[in-house]
N, C-alpha and C. Protein backbone atom coordinates (compact mmCIF):
# COMPACT_ATOMS: atom_id res chain seq x y z
N UNK A 1 141.48 132.11 142.30
CA UNK A 1 141.51 130.67 142.10
C UNK A 1 140.38 130.26 141.16
N UNK A 2 139.21 130.83 141.36
CA UNK A 2 138.07 130.49 140.51
C UNK A 2 138.35 130.83 139.05
N UNK A 3 138.89 132.01 138.82
CA UNK A 3 139.18 132.44 137.45
C UNK A 3 140.24 131.55 136.81
N UNK A 4 141.24 131.15 137.59
CA UNK A 4 142.26 130.25 137.07
C UNK A 4 141.66 128.90 136.69
N UNK A 5 140.77 128.40 137.54
CA UNK A 5 140.08 127.14 137.22
C UNK A 5 139.26 127.24 135.95
N UNK A 6 138.56 128.35 135.80
CA UNK A 6 137.77 128.55 134.58
C UNK A 6 138.67 128.59 133.35
N UNK A 7 139.76 129.32 133.46
CA UNK A 7 140.67 129.44 132.32
C UNK A 7 141.29 128.11 131.94
N UNK A 8 141.59 127.29 132.93
CA UNK A 8 142.24 126.00 132.66
C UNK A 8 141.27 124.92 132.19
N UNK A 9 140.00 125.03 132.55
CA UNK A 9 139.07 123.95 132.25
C UNK A 9 138.02 124.29 131.20
N UNK A 10 137.42 125.45 131.27
CA UNK A 10 136.27 125.74 130.42
C UNK A 10 136.66 125.89 128.96
N UNK A 11 137.66 126.69 128.67
CA UNK A 11 138.04 126.91 127.27
C UNK A 11 138.51 125.62 126.59
N UNK A 12 139.39 124.83 127.22
CA UNK A 12 139.78 123.58 126.57
C UNK A 12 138.62 122.59 126.41
N UNK A 13 137.73 122.57 127.40
CA UNK A 13 136.59 121.66 127.31
C UNK A 13 135.68 122.06 126.16
N UNK A 14 135.40 123.34 126.03
CA UNK A 14 134.56 123.82 124.93
C UNK A 14 135.22 123.52 123.59
N UNK A 15 136.51 123.76 123.49
CA UNK A 15 137.23 123.46 122.26
C UNK A 15 137.19 121.98 121.92
N UNK A 16 137.32 121.13 122.92
CA UNK A 16 137.28 119.68 122.71
C UNK A 16 135.90 119.24 122.24
N UNK A 17 134.87 119.77 122.87
CA UNK A 17 133.50 119.42 122.48
C UNK A 17 133.24 119.82 121.04
N UNK A 18 133.60 121.03 120.68
CA UNK A 18 133.35 121.51 119.32
C UNK A 18 134.21 120.79 118.29
N UNK A 19 135.43 120.43 118.65
CA UNK A 19 136.30 119.70 117.72
C UNK A 19 135.80 118.28 117.48
N UNK A 20 135.13 117.70 118.48
CA UNK A 20 134.65 116.33 118.34
C UNK A 20 133.37 116.25 117.51
N UNK A 21 132.67 117.34 117.37
CA UNK A 21 131.41 117.33 116.62
C UNK A 21 131.67 117.63 115.15
N UNK A 22 130.90 117.00 114.27
CA UNK A 22 131.01 117.35 112.85
C UNK A 22 130.64 118.83 112.65
N UNK A 23 131.21 119.44 111.62
CA UNK A 23 130.97 120.87 111.37
C UNK A 23 129.49 121.20 111.28
N UNK A 24 128.70 120.33 110.69
CA UNK A 24 127.28 120.63 110.53
C UNK A 24 126.53 120.61 111.87
N UNK A 25 127.12 120.02 112.91
CA UNK A 25 126.49 119.94 114.23
C UNK A 25 127.17 120.84 115.26
N UNK A 26 128.00 121.76 114.82
CA UNK A 26 128.75 122.61 115.76
C UNK A 26 127.82 123.44 116.64
N UNK A 27 126.76 123.96 116.08
CA UNK A 27 125.81 124.76 116.86
C UNK A 27 125.12 123.93 117.93
N UNK A 28 124.73 122.72 117.57
CA UNK A 28 124.08 121.83 118.53
C UNK A 28 125.07 121.46 119.64
N UNK A 29 126.30 121.13 119.26
CA UNK A 29 127.31 120.76 120.25
C UNK A 29 127.57 121.92 121.22
N UNK A 30 127.65 123.12 120.69
CA UNK A 30 127.86 124.29 121.54
C UNK A 30 126.69 124.49 122.49
N UNK A 31 125.47 124.34 121.98
CA UNK A 31 124.29 124.49 122.82
C UNK A 31 124.21 123.45 123.92
N UNK A 32 124.51 122.20 123.57
CA UNK A 32 124.49 121.13 124.57
C UNK A 32 125.57 121.37 125.62
N UNK A 33 126.76 121.76 125.18
CA UNK A 33 127.84 122.06 126.12
C UNK A 33 127.43 123.17 127.08
N UNK A 34 126.82 124.22 126.57
CA UNK A 34 126.38 125.33 127.40
C UNK A 34 125.29 124.90 128.37
N UNK A 35 124.32 124.13 127.89
CA UNK A 35 123.23 123.68 128.75
C UNK A 35 123.73 122.77 129.87
N UNK A 36 124.63 121.86 129.54
CA UNK A 36 125.18 120.96 130.56
C UNK A 36 125.98 121.75 131.60
N UNK A 37 126.74 122.74 131.16
CA UNK A 37 127.51 123.56 132.09
C UNK A 37 126.58 124.31 133.05
N UNK A 38 125.52 124.88 132.52
CA UNK A 38 124.58 125.63 133.37
C UNK A 38 123.84 124.69 134.32
N UNK A 39 123.42 123.54 133.83
CA UNK A 39 122.72 122.58 134.69
C UNK A 39 123.64 122.08 135.80
N UNK A 40 124.90 121.83 135.47
CA UNK A 40 125.85 121.39 136.48
C UNK A 40 126.05 122.43 137.56
N UNK A 41 126.14 123.68 137.16
CA UNK A 41 126.30 124.76 138.14
C UNK A 41 125.08 124.86 139.05
N UNK A 42 123.91 124.78 138.46
CA UNK A 42 122.69 124.87 139.27
C UNK A 42 122.56 123.70 140.22
N UNK A 43 122.89 122.50 139.76
CA UNK A 43 122.82 121.34 140.64
C UNK A 43 123.83 121.46 141.78
N UNK A 44 125.02 121.96 141.48
CA UNK A 44 126.03 122.11 142.54
C UNK A 44 125.57 123.11 143.59
N UNK A 45 125.02 124.22 143.15
CA UNK A 45 124.57 125.25 144.10
C UNK A 45 123.39 124.76 144.92
N UNK A 46 122.51 123.98 144.33
CA UNK A 46 121.33 123.54 145.06
C UNK A 46 121.54 122.26 145.84
N UNK A 47 122.38 121.35 145.35
CA UNK A 47 122.51 120.04 145.99
C UNK A 47 123.63 119.98 147.03
N UNK A 48 124.75 120.64 146.78
CA UNK A 48 125.88 120.51 147.70
C UNK A 48 125.56 120.97 149.13
N UNK A 49 124.87 122.07 149.33
CA UNK A 49 124.54 122.42 150.72
C UNK A 49 123.74 121.32 151.44
N UNK A 50 122.81 120.71 150.74
CA UNK A 50 122.03 119.64 151.35
C UNK A 50 122.89 118.41 151.62
N UNK A 51 123.79 118.09 150.71
CA UNK A 51 124.65 116.92 150.87
C UNK A 51 125.55 117.07 152.09
N UNK A 52 126.06 118.26 152.34
CA UNK A 52 126.95 118.46 153.49
C UNK A 52 126.18 118.81 154.76
N UNK A 53 124.88 118.84 154.69
CA UNK A 53 124.06 119.04 155.88
C UNK A 53 123.77 120.47 156.25
N UNK A 54 123.95 121.40 155.32
CA UNK A 54 123.63 122.80 155.61
C UNK A 54 122.14 123.03 155.43
N UNK A 55 121.58 123.79 156.34
CA UNK A 55 120.17 124.18 156.26
C UNK A 55 120.10 125.70 156.28
N UNK A 56 118.92 126.24 156.10
CA UNK A 56 118.76 127.69 156.05
C UNK A 56 119.26 128.40 157.29
N UNK A 57 119.08 127.80 158.46
CA UNK A 57 119.51 128.43 159.71
C UNK A 57 121.03 128.48 159.84
N UNK A 58 121.73 127.61 159.14
CA UNK A 58 123.19 127.56 159.24
C UNK A 58 123.86 128.79 158.64
N UNK A 59 123.17 129.53 157.82
CA UNK A 59 123.76 130.71 157.21
C UNK A 59 123.98 131.83 158.23
N UNK A 60 123.34 131.72 159.38
CA UNK A 60 123.57 132.67 160.47
C UNK A 60 124.62 132.18 161.45
N UNK A 61 125.16 130.99 161.23
CA UNK A 61 126.17 130.41 162.12
C UNK A 61 127.47 130.23 161.34
N UNK A 62 128.39 131.16 161.46
CA UNK A 62 129.62 131.13 160.65
C UNK A 62 130.42 129.83 160.77
N UNK A 63 130.50 129.25 161.95
CA UNK A 63 131.28 128.03 162.12
C UNK A 63 130.67 126.88 161.32
N UNK A 64 129.35 126.74 161.39
CA UNK A 64 128.68 125.67 160.64
C UNK A 64 128.79 125.91 159.14
N UNK A 65 128.65 127.16 158.74
CA UNK A 65 128.73 127.49 157.32
C UNK A 65 130.13 127.22 156.78
N UNK A 66 131.15 127.59 157.54
CA UNK A 66 132.53 127.36 157.12
C UNK A 66 132.83 125.86 157.01
N UNK A 67 132.39 125.10 158.00
CA UNK A 67 132.60 123.65 157.95
C UNK A 67 131.87 123.03 156.76
N UNK A 68 130.67 123.50 156.50
CA UNK A 68 129.92 123.00 155.35
C UNK A 68 130.59 123.33 154.03
N UNK A 69 131.12 124.54 153.91
CA UNK A 69 131.84 124.93 152.69
C UNK A 69 133.08 124.06 152.48
N UNK A 70 133.80 123.80 153.57
CA UNK A 70 134.99 122.96 153.45
C UNK A 70 134.62 121.56 152.97
N UNK A 71 133.56 120.99 153.53
CA UNK A 71 133.12 119.67 153.09
C UNK A 71 132.69 119.70 151.63
N UNK A 72 131.98 120.74 151.24
CA UNK A 72 131.52 120.85 149.86
C UNK A 72 132.70 120.95 148.90
N UNK A 73 133.73 121.68 149.28
CA UNK A 73 134.91 121.81 148.40
C UNK A 73 135.62 120.48 148.25
N UNK A 74 135.72 119.69 149.32
CA UNK A 74 136.35 118.38 149.21
C UNK A 74 135.52 117.44 148.33
N UNK A 75 134.21 117.57 148.40
CA UNK A 75 133.36 116.78 147.50
C UNK A 75 133.63 117.20 146.05
N UNK A 76 133.75 118.49 145.81
CA UNK A 76 134.06 118.98 144.45
C UNK A 76 135.42 118.48 143.98
N UNK A 77 136.40 118.47 144.87
CA UNK A 77 137.73 117.95 144.51
C UNK A 77 137.62 116.48 144.13
N UNK A 78 136.89 115.70 144.92
CA UNK A 78 136.74 114.28 144.62
C UNK A 78 136.04 114.07 143.27
N UNK A 79 135.01 114.86 143.00
CA UNK A 79 134.32 114.75 141.72
C UNK A 79 135.22 115.14 140.56
N UNK A 80 136.02 116.18 140.74
CA UNK A 80 136.95 116.61 139.69
C UNK A 80 137.99 115.53 139.40
N UNK A 81 138.58 114.97 140.45
CA UNK A 81 139.57 113.91 140.26
C UNK A 81 138.92 112.69 139.62
N UNK A 82 137.73 112.33 140.08
CA UNK A 82 137.02 111.19 139.48
C UNK A 82 136.72 111.41 138.01
N UNK A 83 136.28 112.62 137.68
CA UNK A 83 136.00 112.93 136.27
C UNK A 83 137.26 112.92 135.43
N UNK A 84 138.35 113.43 135.97
CA UNK A 84 139.62 113.42 135.25
C UNK A 84 140.12 112.01 135.00
N UNK A 85 140.04 111.15 136.02
CA UNK A 85 140.47 109.77 135.85
C UNK A 85 139.59 109.01 134.87
N UNK A 86 138.29 109.27 134.94
CA UNK A 86 137.36 108.63 133.99
C UNK A 86 137.67 109.07 132.57
N UNK A 87 137.90 110.35 132.38
CA UNK A 87 138.24 110.86 131.05
C UNK A 87 139.54 110.26 130.55
N UNK A 88 140.53 110.19 131.41
CA UNK A 88 141.82 109.63 131.02
C UNK A 88 141.68 108.17 130.60
N UNK A 89 140.83 107.44 131.32
CA UNK A 89 140.67 106.02 131.03
C UNK A 89 139.80 105.74 129.81
N UNK A 90 138.82 106.59 129.54
CA UNK A 90 137.83 106.26 128.52
C UNK A 90 137.92 107.05 127.23
N UNK A 91 138.48 108.24 127.25
CA UNK A 91 138.48 109.07 126.05
C UNK A 91 139.77 108.84 125.27
N UNK A 92 139.60 108.50 124.03
CA UNK A 92 140.75 108.28 123.15
C UNK A 92 140.70 109.24 121.99
N UNK A 93 141.85 109.70 121.54
CA UNK A 93 141.94 110.59 120.40
C UNK A 93 142.30 109.75 119.17
N UNK A 94 141.37 109.56 118.25
CA UNK A 94 141.66 108.69 117.11
C UNK A 94 142.77 109.21 116.22
N UNK A 95 143.01 110.50 116.20
CA UNK A 95 144.06 111.03 115.33
C UNK A 95 145.46 110.72 115.86
N UNK A 96 145.57 110.35 117.13
CA UNK A 96 146.89 110.03 117.68
C UNK A 96 147.16 108.54 117.66
N UNK A 97 146.26 107.76 117.10
CA UNK A 97 146.45 106.32 117.02
C UNK A 97 147.58 106.01 116.03
N UNK A 98 148.17 104.85 116.18
CA UNK A 98 149.23 104.42 115.27
C UNK A 98 148.69 104.35 113.85
N UNK A 99 149.40 104.91 112.88
CA UNK A 99 148.93 104.80 111.50
C UNK A 99 149.09 103.37 111.00
N UNK A 100 148.17 102.97 110.14
CA UNK A 100 148.23 101.63 109.57
C UNK A 100 149.43 101.55 108.63
N UNK A 101 150.14 100.43 108.67
CA UNK A 101 151.29 100.30 107.77
C UNK A 101 150.82 100.26 106.31
N UNK A 102 151.62 100.86 105.46
CA UNK A 102 151.28 100.89 104.03
C UNK A 102 151.44 99.50 103.43
N UNK A 103 150.55 99.17 102.53
CA UNK A 103 150.61 97.86 101.87
C UNK A 103 151.81 97.82 100.93
N UNK A 104 152.52 96.72 100.97
CA UNK A 104 153.68 96.57 100.08
C UNK A 104 153.21 96.38 98.65
N UNK A 105 153.88 96.97 97.74
CA UNK A 105 153.44 96.67 96.40
C UNK A 105 153.81 97.60 95.40
């Protein structure tokens, strides 16, 4: 499931980021995309256990750990859906806009 998610999201996202940047800024866009991806992963790994109430002692209690993982996954689902809806509402592709009518003459 994880690999399928990566294949469906990471490659298209990277392609979109690089396509949106001017050619002269492609390296910067790639670096920013990579840095944001790594920071997001680190924040998820460090913050989600605290958000769902997991503490160090819970790692020895399978029931608490399982319940915490389930809550964390639902939070991730909510964030994914929220991000998708936000993207759908706010991101526009200028190349797909209606072409301006040609001037008569």
